[in-house]
Amino acid sequence: MLSQIEKNLIGVEVLAIKDITYGDNIVPNNMIGKIVEFERASGDPIIEWDNGVKGFVVLALHAILLKHKF
């Protein structure tokens, strides 16, 4: 079950602040993505990036929020 904060973060845009590698796929620095869900075990947000790559990130380490709707 998602918390109210997690529910509010679904759809929020994020900016990659460094290159992120998901296996053979790379999300370059400065790419935009959106939070689409949260990983159950860790609670980390799963991002769908503009290049079609989807994977989880650690906010503040890999990406920052661009907009919020609290």
C-alpha atoms as a PDB file:
ATOM      1  CA  MET A   1       0.000   0.000   0.000  1.00  0.00           C
ATOM      2  CA  LEU A   2       1.383   3.382  -0.986  1.00  0.00           C
ATOM      3  CA  SER A   3       1.667   6.157   1.578  1.00  0.00           C
ATOM      4  CA  GLN A   4       0.022   9.507   0.855  1.00  0.00           C
ATOM      5  CA  ILE A   5       3.444  10.995   0.086  1.00  0.00           C
ATOM      6  CA  GLU A   6       4.202   8.223  -2.418  1.00  0.00           C
ATOM      7  CA  LYS A   7       0.783   8.705  -4.031  1.00  0.00           C
ATOM      8  CA  ASN A   8       1.508  12.428  -4.393  1.00  0.00           C
ATOM      9  CA  LEU A   9       4.857  11.687  -6.043  1.00  0.00           C
ATOM     10  CA  ILE A  10       3.428   9.481  -8.834  1.00  0.00           C
ATOM     11  CA  GLY A  11       3.744  11.465 -12.071  1.00  0.00           C
ATOM     12  CA  VAL A  12       6.282  13.953 -10.713  1.00  0.00           C
ATOM     13  CA  GLU A  13       9.134  14.777 -13.083  1.00  0.00           C
ATOM     14  CA  VAL A  14      12.717  14.113 -12.056  1.00  0.00           C
ATOM     15  CA  LEU A  15      16.061  15.110 -13.542  1.00  0.00           C
ATOM     16  CA  ALA A  16      19.001  12.699 -13.731  1.00  0.00           C
ATOM     17  CA  ILE A  17      21.972  14.371 -12.042  1.00  0.00           C
ATOM     18  CA  LYS A  18      24.469  11.778 -13.291  1.00  0.00           C
ATOM     19  CA  ASP A  19      24.599   9.018 -15.897  1.00  0.00           C
ATOM     20  CA  ILE A  20      22.582   6.011 -14.693  1.00  0.00           C
ATOM     21  CA  THR A  21      23.134   2.496 -16.041  1.00  0.00           C
ATOM     22  CA  TYR A  22      20.449  -0.199 -16.066  1.00  0.00           C
ATOM     23  CA  GLY A  23      22.208  -3.250 -17.533  1.00  0.00           C
ATOM     24  CA  ASP A  24      22.904  -2.305 -21.167  1.00  0.00           C
ATOM     25  CA  ASN A  25      20.679   0.782 -21.022  1.00  0.00           C
ATOM     26  CA  ILE A  26      22.011   4.212 -20.105  1.00  0.00           C
ATOM     27  CA  VAL A  27      20.131   7.257 -18.901  1.00  0.00           C
ATOM     28  CA  PRO A  28      22.371  10.265 -19.552  1.00  0.00           C
ATOM     29  CA  ASN A  29      22.915  13.117 -17.136  1.00  0.00           C
ATOM     30  CA  ASN A  30      20.198  15.823 -17.455  1.00  0.00           C
ATOM     31  CA  MET A  31      17.533  13.469 -18.861  1.00  0.00           C
ATOM     32  CA  ILE A  32      13.971  13.978 -17.627  1.00  0.00           C
ATOM     33  CA  GLY A  33      11.748  11.168 -16.363  1.00  0.00           C
ATOM     34  CA  LYS A  34       8.582  10.642 -14.343  1.00  0.00           C
ATOM     35  CA  ILE A  35       7.937   8.605 -11.222  1.00  0.00           C
ATOM     36  CA  VAL A  36       5.577   5.790 -12.236  1.00  0.00           C
ATOM     37  CA  GLU A  37       5.590   3.573  -9.124  1.00  0.00           C
ATOM     38  CA  PHE A  38       7.634   2.590  -6.061  1.00  0.00           C
ATOM     39  CA  GLU A  39       9.681  -0.537  -5.437  1.00  0.00           C
ATOM     40  CA  ARG A  40       8.016  -2.520  -2.654  1.00  0.00           C
ATOM     41  CA  ALA A  41      11.130  -3.745  -0.837  1.00  0.00           C
ATOM     42  CA  SER A  42      13.174  -0.534  -0.708  1.00  0.00           C
ATOM     43  CA  GLY A  43      10.550   2.129  -1.304  1.00  0.00           C
ATOM     44  CA  ASP A  44      12.729   3.678  -4.015  1.00  0.00           C
ATOM     45  CA  PRO A  45      10.862   5.389  -6.860  1.00  0.00           C
ATOM     46  CA  ILE A  46      10.742   3.692 -10.249  1.00  0.00           C
ATOM     47  CA  ILE A  47      11.282   6.184 -13.046  1.00  0.00           C
ATOM     48  CA  GLU A  48      10.273   5.971 -16.681  1.00  0.00           C
ATOM     49  CA  TRP A  49      12.841   8.070 -18.524  1.00  0.00           C
ATOM     50  CA  ASP A  50      12.250  10.032 -21.741  1.00  0.00           C
ATOM     51  CA  ASN A  51      14.359   7.507 -23.693  1.00  0.00           C
ATOM     52  CA  GLY A  52      11.985   4.662 -22.677  1.00  0.00           C
ATOM     53  CA  VAL A  53      14.264   3.128 -20.027  1.00  0.00           C
ATOM     54  CA  LYS A  54      12.524   2.236 -16.767  1.00  0.00           C
ATOM     55  CA  GLY A  55      14.236   1.570 -13.460  1.00  0.00           C
ATOM     56  CA  PHE A  56      14.532   2.623  -9.839  1.00  0.00           C
ATOM     57  CA  VAL A  57      16.729   5.420  -8.523  1.00  0.00           C
ATOM     58  CA  VAL A  58      17.835   6.778  -5.179  1.00  0.00           C
ATOM     59  CA  LEU A  59      16.601  10.370  -5.068  1.00  0.00           C
ATOM     60  CA  ALA A  60      19.287  12.963  -4.285  1.00  0.00           C
ATOM     61  CA  LEU A  61      21.979  10.456  -5.302  1.00  0.00           C
ATOM     62  CA  HIS A  62      20.862   9.824  -8.901  1.00  0.00           C
ATOM     63  CA  ALA A  63      18.041  12.287  -9.577  1.00  0.00           C
ATOM     64  CA  ILE A  64      16.236  15.310  -8.168  1.00  0.00           C
ATOM     65  CA  LEU A  65      12.552  16.256  -8.197  1.00  0.00           C
ATOM     66  CA  LEU A  66      11.685  19.002 -10.674  1.00  0.00           C
ATOM     67  CA  LYS A  67       8.101  19.693  -9.658  1.00  0.00           C
ATOM     68  CA  HIS A  68       5.860  18.547  -6.880  1.00  0.00           C
ATOM     69  CA  LYS A  69       2.129  18.653  -6.248  1.00  0.00           C
ATOM     70  CA  PHE A  70       1.855  18.561  -2.459  1.00  0.00           C
END
